[in-house]
Amino acid sequence: VFSSYSNANDLKMAFQNLDASVQIKCINPKDIKSTVKSFARELEDTQILCLPAGVDSAFVKNFALQIIGSDIIKHSIDNLLSNDGLIIGFEQGFDILLDAC
């Protein structure tokens, strides 16, 4: 249970306290094509996709929606879920997940 955890670094520490291996993915708006491909590959070895809070601007939220809503990422997320993977979103991260569906 994550109480009062919302930003990426807090969540990273919380997952690591549970002996999880954690990678924070930073998305580069200048190279969206490469970023999407890289993210899709990384999702293949992922057990939990977590979208934290902290997406304060409309630009960042729209950019995140483009990534999560892209066909290649949707396919990777479908694979994650079909392999008993989990998805969690906090605050704006949860909103992005809902909006992408």
N, C-alpha and C. Protein backbone atom coordinates (compact mmCIF):
# COMPACT_ATOMS: atom_id res chain seq x y z
N VAL A 1 0.85 -1.17 0.00
CA VAL A 1 0.00 0.00 0.00
C VAL A 1 0.90 1.23 0.00
N PHE A 2 0.61 2.16 -0.86
CA PHE A 2 1.37 3.40 -0.96
C PHE A 2 0.53 4.52 -0.37
N SER A 3 0.90 4.97 0.80
CA SER A 3 0.19 6.11 1.38
C SER A 3 1.06 7.34 1.22
N SER A 4 0.50 8.36 0.67
CA SER A 4 1.14 9.65 0.43
C SER A 4 2.32 9.58 -0.54
N TYR A 5 2.37 8.56 -1.38
CA TYR A 5 3.38 8.47 -2.42
C TYR A 5 2.74 8.94 -3.72
N SER A 6 3.34 9.87 -4.38
CA SER A 6 2.75 10.27 -5.66
C SER A 6 3.78 10.58 -6.72
N ASN A 7 4.94 11.12 -6.34
CA ASN A 7 5.88 11.44 -7.41
C ASN A 7 6.78 10.24 -7.71
N ALA A 8 7.46 10.32 -8.84
CA ALA A 8 8.24 9.18 -9.33
C ALA A 8 9.31 8.73 -8.35
N ASN A 9 10.01 9.65 -7.73
CA ASN A 9 11.08 9.26 -6.80
C ASN A 9 10.54 8.61 -5.54
N ASP A 10 9.42 9.10 -5.01
CA ASP A 10 8.80 8.46 -3.85
C ASP A 10 8.36 7.04 -4.18
N LEU A 11 7.75 6.88 -5.35
CA LEU A 11 7.31 5.55 -5.76
C LEU A 11 8.48 4.62 -6.00
N LYS A 12 9.54 5.14 -6.59
CA LYS A 12 10.74 4.32 -6.81
C LYS A 12 11.26 3.78 -5.48
N MET A 13 11.38 4.65 -4.49
CA MET A 13 11.86 4.21 -3.18
C MET A 13 10.91 3.19 -2.55
N ALA A 14 9.61 3.41 -2.69
CA ALA A 14 8.64 2.49 -2.11
C ALA A 14 8.74 1.11 -2.76
N PHE A 15 8.85 1.07 -4.09
CA PHE A 15 9.00 -0.22 -4.78
C PHE A 15 10.32 -0.88 -4.41
N GLN A 16 11.39 -0.10 -4.33
CA GLN A 16 12.69 -0.67 -3.96
C GLN A 16 12.68 -1.22 -2.54
N ASN A 17 11.91 -0.60 -1.66
CA ASN A 17 11.77 -1.13 -0.30
C ASN A 17 11.11 -2.50 -0.29
N LEU A 18 10.42 -2.82 -1.39
CA LEU A 18 9.79 -4.13 -1.55
C LEU A 18 10.65 -5.05 -2.43
N ASP A 19 11.93 -4.68 -2.59
CA ASP A 19 12.91 -5.44 -3.37
C ASP A 19 12.58 -5.50 -4.86
N ALA A 20 11.90 -4.50 -5.37
CA ALA A 20 11.60 -4.45 -6.80
C ALA A 20 12.72 -3.70 -7.53
N SER A 21 12.96 -4.11 -8.75
CA SER A 21 13.88 -3.37 -9.62
C SER A 21 13.05 -2.29 -10.31
N VAL A 22 13.52 -1.06 -10.27
CA VAL A 22 12.73 0.07 -10.75
C VAL A 22 13.52 0.86 -11.79
N GLN A 23 12.83 1.23 -12.84
CA GLN A 23 13.42 2.13 -13.84
C GLN A 23 12.43 3.25 -14.09
N ILE A 24 12.91 4.47 -13.98
CA ILE A 24 12.08 5.64 -14.30
C ILE A 24 12.36 5.99 -15.75
N LYS A 25 11.31 6.04 -16.53
CA LYS A 25 11.44 6.36 -17.95
C LYS A 25 11.08 7.81 -18.17
N CYS A 26 12.03 8.57 -18.66
CA CYS A 26 11.79 9.96 -19.03
C CYS A 26 11.52 10.02 -20.52
N ILE A 27 10.48 10.71 -20.87
CA ILE A 27 10.05 10.77 -22.26
C ILE A 27 10.59 12.03 -22.90
N ASN A 28 11.18 11.86 -24.06
CA ASN A 28 11.80 12.97 -24.78
C ASN A 28 10.86 13.47 -25.88
N PRO A 29 10.25 14.65 -25.70
CA PRO A 29 9.32 15.14 -26.71
C PRO A 29 9.98 15.46 -28.05
N LYS A 30 11.29 15.62 -28.07
CA LYS A 30 11.99 15.95 -29.32
C LYS A 30 12.24 14.70 -30.17
N ASP A 31 12.14 13.53 -29.56
CA ASP A 31 12.39 12.29 -30.30
C ASP A 31 11.31 11.27 -29.95
N ILE A 32 10.08 11.60 -30.24
CA ILE A 32 8.94 10.79 -29.81
C ILE A 32 8.97 9.39 -30.44
N LYS A 33 9.36 9.28 -31.69
CA LYS A 33 9.37 7.98 -32.36
C LYS A 33 10.33 7.01 -31.67
N SER A 34 11.53 7.46 -31.40
CA SER A 34 12.51 6.62 -30.71
C SER A 34 12.08 6.32 -29.28
N THR A 35 11.50 7.31 -28.63
CA THR A 35 11.03 7.14 -27.26
C THR A 35 9.94 6.08 -27.18
N VAL A 36 9.00 6.12 -28.09
CA VAL A 36 7.91 5.14 -28.10
C VAL A 36 8.46 3.74 -28.34
N LYS A 37 9.35 3.57 -29.29
CA LYS A 37 9.93 2.25 -29.57
C LYS A 37 10.70 1.72 -28.37
N SER A 38 11.50 2.58 -27.76
CA SER A 38 12.27 2.19 -26.59
C SER A 38 11.36 1.78 -25.44
N PHE A 39 10.34 2.59 -25.20
CA PHE A 39 9.38 2.31 -24.12
C PHE A 39 8.65 1.00 -24.38
N ALA A 40 8.26 0.75 -25.62
CA ALA A 40 7.56 -0.50 -25.96
C ALA A 40 8.45 -1.71 -25.67
N ARG A 41 9.74 -1.62 -26.03
CA ARG A 41 10.67 -2.72 -25.74
C ARG A 41 10.81 -2.95 -24.24
N GLU A 42 10.91 -1.87 -23.49
CA GLU A 42 11.06 -1.99 -22.04
C GLU A 42 9.82 -2.58 -21.38
N LEU A 43 8.65 -2.31 -21.94
CA LEU A 43 7.42 -2.86 -21.39
C LEU A 43 7.37 -4.39 -21.52
N GLU A 44 8.10 -4.93 -22.49
CA GLU A 44 8.12 -6.39 -22.68
C GLU A 44 8.68 -7.11 -21.46
N ASP A 45 9.57 -6.47 -20.70
CA ASP A 45 10.19 -7.09 -19.52
C ASP A 45 9.66 -6.52 -18.21
N THR A 46 8.51 -5.88 -18.29
CA THR A 46 7.95 -5.18 -17.13
C THR A 46 6.85 -6.00 -16.48
N GLN A 47 6.78 -5.94 -15.16
CA GLN A 47 5.69 -6.59 -14.44
C GLN A 47 4.65 -5.57 -13.98
N ILE A 48 5.10 -4.34 -13.72
CA ILE A 48 4.18 -3.29 -13.26
C ILE A 48 4.50 -1.99 -13.99
N LEU A 49 3.49 -1.41 -14.62
CA LEU A 49 3.61 -0.08 -15.20
C LEU A 49 2.94 0.88 -14.24
N CYS A 50 3.68 1.85 -13.75
CA CYS A 50 3.16 2.81 -12.78
C CYS A 50 3.31 4.21 -13.33
N LEU A 51 2.20 4.93 -13.42
CA LEU A 51 2.24 6.33 -13.84
C LEU A 51 2.00 7.20 -12.63
N PRO A 52 3.01 7.97 -12.22
CA PRO A 52 2.89 8.78 -11.00
C PRO A 52 2.12 10.06 -11.23
N ALA A 53 1.88 10.74 -10.15
CA ALA A 53 1.30 12.09 -10.20
C ALA A 53 2.39 13.04 -10.66
N GLY A 54 2.04 14.29 -10.75
CA GLY A 54 3.04 15.29 -11.09
C GLY A 54 2.97 15.78 -12.51
N VAL A 55 1.97 15.34 -13.25
CA VAL A 55 1.79 15.81 -14.63
C VAL A 55 0.92 17.05 -14.54
N ASP A 56 1.55 18.18 -14.28
CA ASP A 56 0.80 19.38 -13.97
C ASP A 56 0.34 20.18 -15.18
N SER A 57 1.09 20.16 -16.25
CA SER A 57 0.72 21.01 -17.39
C SER A 57 -0.08 20.23 -18.41
N ALA A 58 -0.93 20.93 -19.13
CA ALA A 58 -1.72 20.31 -20.18
C ALA A 58 -0.81 19.75 -21.28
N PHE A 59 0.31 20.44 -21.56
CA PHE A 59 1.24 19.95 -22.58
C PHE A 59 1.79 18.58 -22.21
N VAL A 60 2.24 18.44 -20.96
CA VAL A 60 2.83 17.17 -20.52
C VAL A 60 1.77 16.08 -20.53
N LYS A 61 0.57 16.40 -20.07
CA LYS A 61 -0.50 15.39 -20.06
C LYS A 61 -0.84 14.96 -21.49
N ASN A 62 -0.96 15.90 -22.41
CA ASN A 62 -1.27 15.56 -23.80
C ASN A 62 -0.15 14.74 -24.42
N PHE A 63 1.09 15.09 -24.09
CA PHE A 63 2.23 14.34 -24.60
C PHE A 63 2.20 12.90 -24.06
N ALA A 64 1.94 12.75 -22.77
CA ALA A 64 1.85 11.42 -22.16
C ALA A 64 0.72 10.61 -22.79
N LEU A 65 -0.39 11.27 -23.08
CA LEU A 65 -1.51 10.58 -23.74
C LEU A 65 -1.12 10.11 -25.14
N GLN A 66 -0.33 10.89 -25.85
CA GLN A 66 0.14 10.46 -27.17
C GLN A 66 0.98 9.20 -27.06
N ILE A 67 1.82 9.14 -26.05
CA ILE A 67 2.68 7.98 -25.86
C ILE A 67 1.83 6.76 -25.47
N ILE A 68 1.07 6.87 -24.41
CA ILE A 68 0.28 5.75 -23.91
C ILE A 68 -0.78 5.32 -24.93
N GLY A 69 -1.30 6.29 -25.68
CA GLY A 69 -2.35 5.99 -26.66
C GLY A 69 -1.85 5.51 -28.00
N SER A 70 -0.52 5.47 -28.21
CA SER A 70 0.00 5.03 -29.50
C SER A 70 -0.23 3.52 -29.66
N ASP A 71 -0.39 3.10 -30.89
CA ASP A 71 -0.69 1.68 -31.17
C ASP A 71 0.38 0.74 -30.63
N ILE A 72 1.65 1.11 -30.78
CA ILE A 72 2.73 0.23 -30.34
C ILE A 72 2.72 0.08 -28.80
N ILE A 73 2.43 1.15 -28.09
CA ILE A 73 2.38 1.08 -26.62
C ILE A 73 1.12 0.35 -26.17
N LYS A 74 0.00 0.60 -26.83
CA LYS A 74 -1.22 -0.15 -26.49
C LYS A 74 -1.00 -1.65 -26.65
N HIS A 75 -0.31 -2.04 -27.72
CA HIS A 75 0.00 -3.46 -27.94
C HIS A 75 0.89 -3.99 -26.81
N SER A 76 1.90 -3.24 -26.42
CA SER A 76 2.79 -3.65 -25.33
C SER A 76 2.05 -3.74 -24.01
N ILE A 77 1.12 -2.81 -23.78
CA ILE A 77 0.32 -2.85 -22.55
C ILE A 77 -0.61 -4.06 -22.57
N ASP A 78 -1.20 -4.36 -23.72
CA ASP A 78 -2.03 -5.57 -23.83
C ASP A 78 -1.22 -6.82 -23.51
N ASN A 79 0.03 -6.87 -24.01
CA ASN A 79 0.90 -8.01 -23.70
C ASN A 79 1.22 -8.07 -22.21
N LEU A 80 1.49 -6.91 -21.62
CA LEU A 80 1.76 -6.84 -20.18
C LEU A 80 0.59 -7.42 -19.40
N LEU A 81 -0.62 -7.00 -19.73
CA LEU A 81 -1.81 -7.47 -19.02
C LEU A 81 -2.08 -8.95 -19.28
N SER A 82 -1.84 -9.41 -20.48
CA SER A 82 -2.09 -10.83 -20.79
C SER A 82 -1.09 -11.74 -20.08
N ASN A 83 0.04 -11.18 -19.64
CA ASN A 83 1.04 -11.94 -18.88
C ASN A 83 0.94 -11.67 -17.39
N ASP A 84 -0.27 -11.31 -16.94
CA ASP A 84 -0.56 -11.04 -15.53
C ASP A 84 0.19 -9.83 -14.98
N GLY A 85 0.59 -8.90 -15.85
CA GLY A 85 1.21 -7.66 -15.41
C GLY A 85 0.16 -6.73 -14.82
N LEU A 86 0.63 -5.72 -14.16
CA LEU A 86 -0.24 -4.77 -13.47
C LEU A 86 0.02 -3.35 -13.96
N ILE A 87 -1.02 -2.53 -13.87
CA ILE A 87 -0.91 -1.11 -14.20
C ILE A 87 -1.52 -0.32 -13.05
N ILE A 88 -0.80 0.72 -12.64
CA ILE A 88 -1.30 1.57 -11.57
C ILE A 88 -1.00 3.02 -11.93
N GLY A 89 -1.90 3.90 -11.60
CA GLY A 89 -1.70 5.32 -11.83
C GLY A 89 -2.13 6.11 -10.61
N PHE A 90 -1.37 7.13 -10.28
CA PHE A 90 -1.68 8.00 -9.15
C PHE A 90 -2.06 9.38 -9.67
N GLU A 91 -3.15 9.90 -9.18
CA GLU A 91 -3.62 11.25 -9.51
C GLU A 91 -3.64 11.47 -11.02
N GLN A 92 -2.80 12.37 -11.55
CA GLN A 92 -2.80 12.64 -12.98
C GLN A 92 -2.38 11.42 -13.79
N GLY A 93 -1.55 10.57 -13.22
CA GLY A 93 -1.17 9.32 -13.90
C GLY A 93 -2.39 8.43 -14.10
N PHE A 94 -3.27 8.39 -13.12
CA PHE A 94 -4.52 7.63 -13.25
C PHE A 94 -5.42 8.26 -14.31
N ASP A 95 -5.49 9.59 -14.32
CA ASP A 95 -6.28 10.28 -15.34
C ASP A 95 -5.78 9.96 -16.75
N ILE A 96 -4.47 9.89 -16.92
CA ILE A 96 -3.89 9.57 -18.22
C ILE A 96 -4.29 8.16 -18.63
N LEU A 97 -4.25 7.23 -17.69
CA LEU A 97 -4.66 5.86 -18.01
C LEU A 97 -6.13 5.82 -18.45
N LEU A 98 -6.99 6.52 -17.73
CA LEU A 98 -8.41 6.54 -18.10
C LEU A 98 -8.62 7.18 -19.46
N ASP A 99 -7.96 8.29 -19.70
CA ASP A 99 -8.12 9.01 -20.96
C ASP A 99 -7.57 8.22 -22.14
N ALA A 100 -6.58 7.39 -21.91
CA ALA A 100 -5.96 6.62 -23.00
C ALA A 100 -6.80 5.42 -23.40
N CYS A 101 -7.71 5.00 -22.53
CA CYS A 101 -8.52 3.80 -22.81
C CYS A 101 -9.57 4.04 -23.86
